[in-house]
Amino acid sequence: MMQTRQKTRATGHEDTPSGGSRLLRAALLAAVAVVLPFQGLANEKIANRVAVFSGIDKITGRIHTFDVYIDETVQFGALQVTPRVCYSRPNTEAPKTTTFVEVDEITLDSNIRRIFTGWMFADSPGLNAVEHPVYDIWLKDCKMESDVPPPS
């Protein structure tokens, strides 16, 4: 087998792979072959049926935890909470639980006013939690089933 050898203009060295660079190239290809099949698993998310929220009533100081099915609206005080999706990761991955939620306030004159639309993160409850003068709401978890019967 004949190898073509060329001298590079800048260095004057031959442009053929040495034994060390061939070994390095083979090791890199092997590493890529091992890592690529697992690349999709790192971003795998589980779409759950139930979002678990906690809310505090600042007047009484009581914290309540409540389950809400996806696309169901549940009232907490003067707030209506409607999760649209709730994602988690497999148990073999680092936890990352998120929900996209809409929160409306029922005003004293019985009007409904949207006060929050966006993502909530269970691992960062202070980031994008709903802060209201009387109520705060944050995401605790996502799960597939609930003790609360599903909406009919």
Protein backbone atom coordinates (compact mmCIF):
# COMPACT_ATOMS: atom_id res chain seq x y z
CA MET A 1 0.00 0.00 0.00
CA MET A 2 1.36 3.36 -0.96
CA GLN A 3 0.92 6.42 1.22
CA THR A 4 0.99 9.84 -0.30
CA ARG A 5 3.28 12.23 1.46
CA GLN A 6 3.04 15.93 1.14
CA LYS A 7 5.04 18.60 2.82
CA THR A 8 3.03 21.38 4.35
CA ARG A 9 4.07 24.83 3.26
CA ALA A 10 4.36 26.37 6.71
CA THR A 11 6.34 23.70 8.57
CA GLY A 12 7.95 21.60 5.87
CA HIS A 13 6.89 18.43 7.77
CA GLU A 14 5.31 15.46 6.09
CA ASP A 15 1.52 15.21 6.38
CA THR A 16 1.18 11.50 7.18
CA PRO A 17 -0.39 10.25 10.39
CA SER A 18 2.14 8.88 12.83
CA GLY A 19 1.47 5.84 14.98
CA GLY A 20 0.62 8.07 17.95
CA SER A 21 -1.84 10.21 16.05
CA ARG A 22 -3.50 7.11 14.55
CA LEU A 23 -3.91 5.71 18.05
CA LEU A 24 -5.34 9.03 19.28
CA ARG A 25 -7.75 9.17 16.34
CA ALA A 26 -8.90 5.59 17.00
CA ALA A 27 -9.41 6.37 20.71
CA LEU A 28 -11.48 9.46 19.88
CA LEU A 29 -13.65 7.49 17.45
CA ALA A 30 -14.18 4.79 20.08
CA ALA A 31 -15.16 7.41 22.67
CA VAL A 32 -17.65 8.99 20.28
CA ALA A 33 -19.13 5.56 19.51
CA VAL A 34 -19.65 4.95 23.24
CA VAL A 35 -21.04 8.41 24.12
CA LEU A 36 -23.40 9.06 21.19
CA PRO A 37 -25.96 6.33 22.00
CA PHE A 38 -26.40 7.82 25.49
CA GLN A 39 -26.66 11.43 24.30
CA GLY A 40 -30.45 11.20 23.83
CA LEU A 41 -30.95 9.62 27.25
CA ALA A 42 -29.47 12.63 29.03
CA ASN A 43 -32.24 14.81 27.60
CA GLU A 44 -35.03 12.24 27.98
CA LYS A 45 -38.04 13.66 29.75
CA ILE A 46 -41.13 11.98 31.10
CA ALA A 47 -44.46 13.69 30.46
CA ASN A 48 -46.46 13.20 33.65
CA ARG A 49 -50.23 13.40 34.19
CA VAL A 50 -50.15 15.25 37.52
CA ALA A 51 -48.31 18.33 38.81
CA VAL A 52 -47.81 18.66 42.56
CA PHE A 53 -47.81 22.21 43.90
CA SER A 54 -47.36 23.77 47.31
CA GLY A 55 -48.95 27.03 48.24
CA ILE A 56 -48.79 29.26 51.27
CA ASP A 57 -51.61 31.39 52.58
CA LYS A 58 -49.68 34.34 54.00
CA ILE A 59 -52.59 35.39 56.22
CA THR A 60 -52.80 32.09 58.12
CA GLY A 61 -49.22 30.97 57.51
CA ARG A 62 -50.41 27.54 56.41
CA ILE A 63 -48.75 25.63 53.59
CA HIS A 64 -50.93 23.34 51.48
CA THR A 65 -49.78 20.74 48.99
CA PHE A 66 -52.19 19.88 46.19
CA ASP A 67 -52.26 17.74 43.04
CA VAL A 68 -53.48 19.12 39.72
CA TYR A 69 -54.01 17.01 36.61
CA ILE A 70 -52.58 18.42 33.36
CA ASP A 71 -55.04 20.84 31.70
CA GLU A 72 -57.24 20.84 34.82
CA THR A 73 -57.85 24.04 36.77
CA VAL A 74 -57.75 23.96 40.57
CA GLN A 75 -58.48 26.90 42.82
CA PHE A 76 -56.14 27.78 45.67
CA GLY A 77 -57.55 30.73 47.58
CA ALA A 78 -58.20 33.45 45.02
CA LEU A 79 -55.88 31.81 42.48
CA GLN A 80 -56.70 29.34 39.73
CA VAL A 81 -53.81 27.05 38.76
CA THR A 82 -53.73 25.24 35.37
CA PRO A 83 -50.64 23.18 34.49
CA ARG A 84 -50.23 22.49 30.77
CA VAL A 85 -47.28 20.05 30.95
CA CYS A 86 -45.22 18.54 33.76
CA TYR A 87 -41.88 16.92 32.93
CA SER A 88 -39.49 14.89 35.02
CA ARG A 89 -36.49 12.68 34.27
CA PRO A 90 -35.94 8.95 34.79
CA ASN A 91 -34.73 7.91 38.25
CA THR A 92 -31.31 7.15 36.77
CA GLU A 93 -30.81 10.80 35.81
CA ALA A 94 -30.27 13.92 37.89
CA PRO A 95 -33.65 15.33 38.98
CA LYS A 96 -35.08 18.07 36.81
CA THR A 97 -38.80 18.61 37.28
CA THR A 98 -40.52 21.39 35.34
CA THR A 99 -44.03 22.50 34.53
CA PHE A 100 -45.57 25.05 32.24
CA VAL A 101 -48.41 26.63 34.17
CA GLU A 102 -50.99 29.39 33.93
CA VAL A 103 -52.18 31.14 37.08
CA ASP A 104 -55.18 33.44 37.19
CA GLU A 105 -56.41 35.62 40.04
CA ILE A 106 -60.09 36.04 40.80
CA THR A 107 -60.40 39.69 41.75
CA LEU A 108 -62.81 41.12 44.32
CA ASP A 109 -65.16 42.22 41.52
CA SER A 110 -65.23 38.60 40.20
CA ASN A 111 -63.03 39.27 37.18
CA ILE A 112 -60.32 36.82 36.20
CA ARG A 113 -56.87 38.28 35.62
CA ARG A 114 -53.85 36.28 34.39
CA ILE A 115 -50.96 36.90 36.77
CA PHE A 116 -48.49 34.24 35.63
CA THR A 117 -47.76 32.18 32.53
CA GLY A 118 -44.47 30.35 32.35
CA TRP A 119 -42.17 27.59 33.51
CA MET A 120 -41.67 26.57 37.13
CA PHE A 121 -38.75 24.45 38.33
CA ALA A 122 -39.04 22.18 41.37
CA ASP A 123 -35.31 22.35 42.07
CA SER A 124 -35.44 26.18 42.19
CA PRO A 125 -38.73 27.07 43.90
CA GLY A 126 -37.82 30.75 44.21
CA LEU A 127 -37.26 31.02 40.46
CA ASN A 128 -40.55 31.72 38.68
CA ALA A 129 -42.74 30.94 41.66
CA VAL A 130 -46.05 32.79 41.80
CA GLU A 131 -45.76 35.60 44.31
CA HIS A 132 -49.06 37.20 45.19
CA PRO A 133 -49.85 39.58 48.10
CA VAL A 134 -51.75 36.81 49.88
CA TYR A 135 -50.66 33.53 48.22
CA ASP A 136 -47.43 32.03 46.90
CA ILE A 137 -47.39 28.88 44.75
CA TRP A 138 -44.46 26.74 43.65
CA LEU A 139 -43.90 23.38 41.95
CA LYS A 140 -42.93 20.43 44.17
CA ASP A 141 -43.05 17.42 41.86
CA CYS A 142 -44.60 15.69 38.86
CA LYS A 143 -46.12 12.23 38.94
CA MET A 144 -48.23 9.86 36.88
CA GLU A 145 -50.97 9.06 39.39
CA SER A 146 -52.73 10.88 42.22
CA ASP A 147 -54.97 9.97 45.14
CA VAL A 148 -57.29 12.68 43.82
CA PRO A 149 -59.67 11.22 41.20
CA PRO A 150 -59.00 12.45 37.65
CA PRO A 151 -61.36 14.96 36.08
CA SER A 152 -64.28 13.43 34.23
